[in-house]
Amino acid sequence: DFLGGTVAKRASTLAAVVATQGAGLALLLVGSPLMLDAVVTPNDLLFGALAGLTGSVGVALLYRGLAMGPMSVVAPITAVCAVVIPLIAGLLFGEQLTPLAALGVALAIAAVVLLGQDASSADDTGVPRTAGHVAQAVRIALASGVAIGGFFVCLGRTAAPAGLWPLAVSRSVSVTVFLAVAWLTRQPWKVPVAALPPAIACGGLDMVANALYLAAVRQGQLSLIATLASLYPASTVLLARLVLGERLGRLQLVGVAAAVAATVLIVANS
């Protein structure tokens, strides 16, 4: 998220998404010989494609919101929605939570809310953001979270024998969608040279994270795994503080502590 927001500040949202998603796809294709033994069904391909569509929308909105900032508000709000959607889906699929695991989930949701509090109204340039600007970023973050939550659910519906191929389908769909949008709207889709290093790093980290999530959700409950994955705003908030100079409020510090406690509760009781 932090690197994606950095790229989106230096290039258009469309260019940032094409570059980062393309870098992730390239990384996955390099490792494709390791997936030759996978058994893929039409169901895996379908949910992989749906994950690509929902993920495309979610990432585009997320990068737009992060570019508008502040990052320490946008990322946690997105995460709240991203965890609620899989949580509801998991319970509808028949998953059950132990009391302590349920407490951990509640604490995790509280953590991401706290992480979005007391953020600075100015970025590293010192230019204050208007209330309307921040409000628009919040709306974008909410929509992004719903779409990313759908991405989590779709990937969770694929089977283990399919390996990483659903993820390859997902990423191929997202890259194709954004290239098509660039062609239809005649928008530039190339990022400046200065933005290439963070774009490549962002795409690589994003692909590794998605692969780890896919491996985890096939062995554990969707409601718990997605909750743990959605605690990432803690690192985004800290990076925004250390690199961009965004202020870290007291409630955000409490949120970081709550995220750690939630992780311990969920892992110990899942």
Protein backbone atom coordinates (compact mmCIF):
# COMPACT_ATOMS: atom_id res chain seq x y z
CA ASP A 1 0.00 0.00 0.00
CA PHE A 2 2.73 2.45 0.94
CA LEU A 3 4.71 1.81 -2.24
CA GLY A 4 1.53 1.87 -4.36
CA GLY A 5 0.56 5.21 -2.88
CA THR A 6 4.06 6.49 -3.57
CA VAL A 7 3.81 5.49 -7.23
CA ALA A 8 0.33 7.02 -7.52
CA LYS A 9 1.71 10.34 -6.28
CA ARG A 10 4.22 10.37 -9.17
CA ALA A 11 1.99 9.05 -11.96
CA SER A 12 -1.68 8.71 -12.83
CA THR A 13 -3.71 6.11 -10.95
CA LEU A 14 -4.14 4.08 -14.14
CA ALA A 15 -0.41 4.08 -14.89
CA ALA A 16 0.40 3.13 -11.29
CA VAL A 17 -1.97 0.16 -11.37
CA VAL A 18 -0.76 -1.11 -14.76
CA ALA A 19 2.88 -0.90 -13.63
CA THR A 20 2.43 -2.56 -10.24
CA GLN A 21 0.01 -5.24 -11.41
CA GLY A 22 2.17 -5.96 -14.44
CA ALA A 23 5.27 -6.34 -12.28
CA GLY A 24 3.47 -8.84 -10.07
CA LEU A 25 2.26 -10.82 -13.07
CA ALA A 26 5.78 -10.94 -14.49
CA LEU A 27 7.07 -12.32 -11.21
CA LEU A 28 4.41 -15.02 -11.18
CA LEU A 29 5.10 -16.01 -14.78
CA VAL A 30 8.79 -16.42 -13.97
CA GLY A 31 7.79 -19.04 -11.42
CA SER A 32 5.18 -20.71 -13.66
CA PRO A 33 7.35 -23.81 -14.34
CA LEU A 34 6.89 -24.66 -10.67
CA MET A 35 3.11 -24.88 -11.19
CA LEU A 36 3.04 -27.47 -13.99
CA ASP A 37 1.69 -30.21 -11.69
CA ALA A 38 -1.35 -28.16 -10.65
CA VAL A 39 -4.86 -29.40 -11.45
CA VAL A 40 -7.14 -26.53 -12.45
CA THR A 41 -10.94 -26.82 -12.72
CA PRO A 42 -13.40 -24.44 -14.44
CA ASN A 43 -14.50 -23.36 -10.96
CA ASP A 44 -10.93 -22.28 -10.14
CA LEU A 45 -10.69 -20.30 -13.37
CA LEU A 46 -14.06 -18.65 -12.76
CA PHE A 47 -13.26 -17.51 -9.24
CA GLY A 48 -9.77 -16.48 -10.37
CA ALA A 49 -11.32 -14.25 -13.04
CA LEU A 50 -13.84 -12.81 -10.56
CA ALA A 51 -10.98 -12.12 -8.16
CA GLY A 52 -9.24 -10.27 -10.99
CA LEU A 53 -12.27 -8.08 -11.62
CA THR A 54 -12.95 -7.24 -7.98
CA GLY A 55 -9.25 -6.83 -7.27
CA SER A 56 -8.87 -4.47 -10.24
CA VAL A 57 -11.57 -2.17 -8.95
CA GLY A 58 -10.29 -2.37 -5.38
CA VAL A 59 -6.66 -1.64 -6.22
CA ALA A 60 -7.51 1.24 -8.56
CA LEU A 61 -9.69 2.87 -5.91
CA LEU A 62 -7.11 2.18 -3.22
CA TYR A 63 -4.27 3.82 -5.16
CA ARG A 64 -6.48 6.79 -5.94
CA GLY A 65 -7.38 7.14 -2.28
CA LEU A 66 -3.77 6.75 -1.15
CA ALA A 67 -2.67 9.40 -3.63
CA MET A 68 -5.27 11.80 -2.21
CA GLY A 69 -4.39 10.72 1.34
CA PRO A 70 -3.67 10.89 4.10
CA MET A 71 -2.37 7.31 3.84
CA SER A 72 -2.84 6.72 7.55
CA VAL A 73 -6.60 7.27 7.13
CA VAL A 74 -7.22 5.64 3.75
CA ALA A 75 -5.44 2.33 4.43
CA PRO A 76 -7.22 1.49 7.73
CA ILE A 77 -10.68 2.41 6.39
CA THR A 78 -10.09 0.18 3.38
CA ALA A 79 -8.96 -2.63 5.68
CA VAL A 80 -12.10 -2.44 7.84
CA CYS A 81 -14.34 -3.06 4.83
CA ALA A 82 -11.94 -5.65 3.43
CA VAL A 83 -12.19 -7.73 6.62
CA VAL A 84 -15.95 -7.37 7.17
CA ILE A 85 -16.89 -8.81 3.75
CA PRO A 86 -14.89 -12.09 4.13
CA LEU A 87 -15.97 -12.35 7.77
CA ILE A 88 -19.64 -12.29 6.81
CA ALA A 89 -19.01 -14.65 3.88
CA GLY A 90 -17.11 -17.12 6.09
CA LEU A 91 -19.92 -17.23 8.62
CA LEU A 92 -22.45 -17.74 5.82
CA PHE A 93 -20.33 -20.63 4.55
CA GLY A 94 -20.71 -22.31 7.93
CA GLU A 95 -17.49 -21.29 9.69
CA GLN A 96 -17.56 -20.97 13.48
CA LEU A 97 -15.33 -18.91 15.73
CA THR A 98 -14.19 -19.79 19.23
CA PRO A 99 -14.99 -17.08 21.82
CA LEU A 100 -11.36 -15.95 22.01
CA ALA A 101 -11.00 -15.95 18.22
CA ALA A 102 -14.18 -13.88 17.97
CA LEU A 103 -12.70 -11.49 20.53
CA GLY A 104 -9.57 -11.30 18.38
CA VAL A 105 -11.63 -10.45 15.29
CA ALA A 106 -13.46 -7.70 17.19
CA LEU A 107 -10.15 -6.37 18.48
CA ALA A 108 -8.71 -6.43 14.94
CA ILE A 109 -11.61 -4.38 13.59
CA ALA A 110 -11.17 -1.93 16.47
CA ALA A 111 -7.44 -1.81 15.68
CA VAL A 112 -7.89 -0.75 12.07
CA VAL A 113 -10.41 1.88 13.15
CA LEU A 114 -7.96 3.25 15.71
CA LEU A 115 -5.16 3.24 13.15
CA GLY A 116 -7.20 5.67 11.08
CA GLN A 117 -7.55 8.20 13.89
CA ASP A 118 -5.60 11.36 14.66
CA ALA A 119 -3.90 11.44 11.27
CA SER A 120 -2.14 14.57 10.15
CA SER A 121 -4.06 16.82 7.77
CA ALA A 122 -0.89 17.66 5.87
CA ASP A 123 1.46 15.51 3.83
CA ASP A 124 5.21 15.65 3.42
CA THR A 125 4.91 18.81 1.32
CA GLY A 126 3.26 20.66 4.19
CA VAL A 127 0.16 21.48 2.13
CA PRO A 128 -3.00 21.02 4.24
CA ARG A 129 -5.86 18.98 2.84
CA THR A 130 -9.36 20.40 2.84
CA ALA A 131 -12.21 18.63 4.66
CA GLY A 132 -13.86 17.91 1.31
CA HIS A 133 -10.65 16.40 -0.04
CA VAL A 134 -10.34 14.05 2.93
CA ALA A 135 -14.06 13.17 2.78
CA GLN A 136 -13.70 12.14 -0.86
CA ALA A 137 -10.69 10.00 0.02
CA VAL A 138 -12.75 8.29 2.74
CA ARG A 139 -15.56 7.47 0.30
CA ILE A 140 -13.05 6.02 -2.13
CA ALA A 141 -11.49 3.97 0.69
CA LEU A 142 -14.88 2.50 1.64
CA ALA A 143 -15.60 1.41 -1.93
CA SER A 144 -12.09 0.03 -2.27
CA GLY A 145 -12.50 -2.06 0.89
CA VAL A 146 -15.70 -3.67 -0.35
CA ALA A 147 -14.05 -4.63 -3.64
CA ILE A 148 -10.91 -5.98 -1.96
CA GLY A 149 -13.10 -7.98 0.43
CA GLY A 150 -14.71 -9.57 -2.63
CA PHE A 151 -11.23 -10.37 -3.93
CA PHE A 152 -10.42 -12.19 -0.67
CA VAL A 153 -13.65 -14.20 -0.87
CA CYS A 154 -13.17 -15.18 -4.53
CA LEU A 155 -9.62 -16.43 -4.02
CA GLY A 156 -10.78 -18.33 -0.94
CA ARG A 157 -13.24 -20.30 -3.09
CA THR A 158 -10.49 -21.86 -5.24
CA ALA A 159 -9.16 -25.37 -4.57
CA ALA A 160 -5.70 -26.26 -3.28
CA PRO A 161 -4.79 -28.56 -6.25
CA ALA A 162 -5.03 -25.50 -8.54
CA GLY A 163 -1.90 -24.04 -6.97
CA LEU A 164 -1.25 -20.42 -7.91
CA TRP A 165 -3.01 -20.58 -11.28
CA PRO A 166 -6.17 -18.82 -9.99
CA LEU A 167 -3.90 -15.99 -8.93
CA ALA A 168 -2.28 -15.95 -12.38
CA VAL A 169 -5.73 -15.75 -13.98
CA SER A 170 -6.73 -13.02 -11.55
CA ARG A 171 -3.68 -10.90 -12.29
CA SER A 172 -3.96 -11.46 -16.06
CA VAL A 173 -7.55 -10.24 -15.95
CA SER A 174 -6.66 -7.14 -13.94
CA VAL A 175 -3.76 -6.17 -16.21
CA THR A 176 -5.92 -6.72 -19.31
CA VAL A 177 -8.76 -4.64 -17.85
CA PHE A 178 -6.54 -1.67 -17.10
CA LEU A 179 -4.71 -1.80 -20.42
CA ALA A 180 -8.12 -1.85 -22.14
CA VAL A 181 -9.24 1.15 -20.10
CA ALA A 182 -6.05 2.99 -21.04
CA TRP A 183 -6.62 2.22 -24.73
CA LEU A 184 -10.31 3.19 -24.72
CA THR A 185 -9.78 6.42 -22.79
CA ARG A 186 -6.46 7.23 -24.51
CA GLN A 187 -4.85 7.77 -21.12
CA PRO A 188 -1.09 7.29 -20.68
CA TRP A 189 -0.30 3.98 -18.99
CA LYS A 190 3.45 4.29 -18.55
CA VAL A 191 4.91 5.55 -15.29
CA PRO A 192 7.87 7.96 -15.14
CA VAL A 193 11.30 6.37 -14.85
CA ALA A 194 11.64 7.66 -11.30
CA ALA A 195 8.50 5.72 -10.29
CA LEU A 196 9.61 2.40 -11.77
CA PRO A 197 11.63 1.11 -8.76
CA PRO A 198 8.77 1.51 -6.24
CA ALA A 199 6.30 0.17 -8.84
CA ILE A 200 8.33 -3.00 -9.38
CA ALA A 201 8.88 -3.45 -5.65
CA CYS A 202 5.16 -2.88 -5.00
CA GLY A 203 4.11 -5.44 -7.62
CA GLY A 204 6.54 -8.03 -6.30
CA LEU A 205 5.52 -7.63 -2.67
CA ASP A 206 1.84 -7.63 -3.62
CA MET A 207 2.20 -10.89 -5.53
CA VAL A 208 4.10 -12.57 -2.69
CA ALA A 209 1.46 -11.40 -0.22
CA ASN A 210 -1.38 -12.73 -2.38
CA ALA A 211 0.35 -16.08 -2.80
CA LEU A 212 0.83 -16.38 0.96
CA TYR A 213 -2.81 -15.43 1.55
CA LEU A 214 -3.96 -18.05 -0.97
CA ALA A 215 -1.87 -20.74 0.75
CA ALA A 216 -3.16 -19.70 4.18
CA VAL A 217 -6.86 -19.48 3.32
CA ARG A 218 -6.78 -23.02 1.90
CA GLN A 219 -5.64 -24.33 5.27
CA GLY A 220 -7.60 -22.10 7.62
CA GLN A 221 -10.92 -20.30 7.97
CA LEU A 222 -11.67 -17.46 5.55
CA SER A 223 -13.03 -15.29 8.37
CA LEU A 224 -9.81 -15.58 10.41
CA ILE A 225 -7.22 -15.53 7.63
CA ALA A 226 -8.76 -12.46 5.97
CA THR A 227 -8.88 -10.73 9.35
CA LEU A 228 -5.17 -11.33 9.92
CA ALA A 229 -4.34 -10.20 6.38
CA SER A 230 -6.29 -6.99 6.94
CA LEU A 231 -4.05 -5.89 9.81
CA TYR A 232 -1.50 -4.60 7.28
CA PRO A 233 -2.41 -0.91 7.91
CA ALA A 234 -0.15 -0.99 10.97
CA SER A 235 2.89 -1.09 8.69
CA THR A 236 1.40 1.47 6.30
CA VAL A 237 0.79 3.89 9.16
CA LEU A 238 4.31 3.46 10.52
CA LEU A 239 5.87 3.94 7.08
CA ALA A 240 3.76 7.04 6.47
CA ARG A 241 5.03 8.38 9.79
CA LEU A 242 8.70 7.54 9.24
CA VAL A 243 9.02 8.41 5.55
CA LEU A 244 6.35 11.02 4.82
CA GLY A 245 6.27 12.64 8.23
CA GLU A 246 2.56 11.99 8.81
CA ARG A 247 1.87 12.30 12.50
CA LEU A 248 1.17 9.19 14.55
CA GLY A 249 -1.47 10.01 17.16
CA ARG A 250 -2.02 8.33 20.50
CA LEU A 251 -5.05 6.43 19.25
CA GLN A 252 -2.98 5.10 16.37
CA LEU A 253 -0.38 3.83 18.82
CA VAL A 254 -3.18 2.06 20.70
CA GLY A 255 -4.32 0.65 17.35
CA VAL A 256 -0.89 -0.85 16.69
CA ALA A 257 -0.96 -2.51 20.11
CA ALA A 258 -4.50 -3.76 19.49
CA ALA A 259 -3.41 -5.24 16.16
CA VAL A 260 -0.65 -7.20 17.88
CA ALA A 261 -3.05 -8.46 20.57
CA ALA A 262 -5.64 -9.43 17.96
CA THR A 263 -3.05 -11.40 16.02
CA VAL A 264 -2.05 -13.34 19.14
CA LEU A 265 -5.68 -14.15 20.01
CA ILE A 266 -6.61 -15.29 16.51
CA VAL A 267 -3.51 -17.38 15.88
CA ALA A 268 -3.67 -19.03 19.31
CA ASN A 269 -7.34 -19.95 19.00
CA SER A 270 -7.82 -20.75 15.33
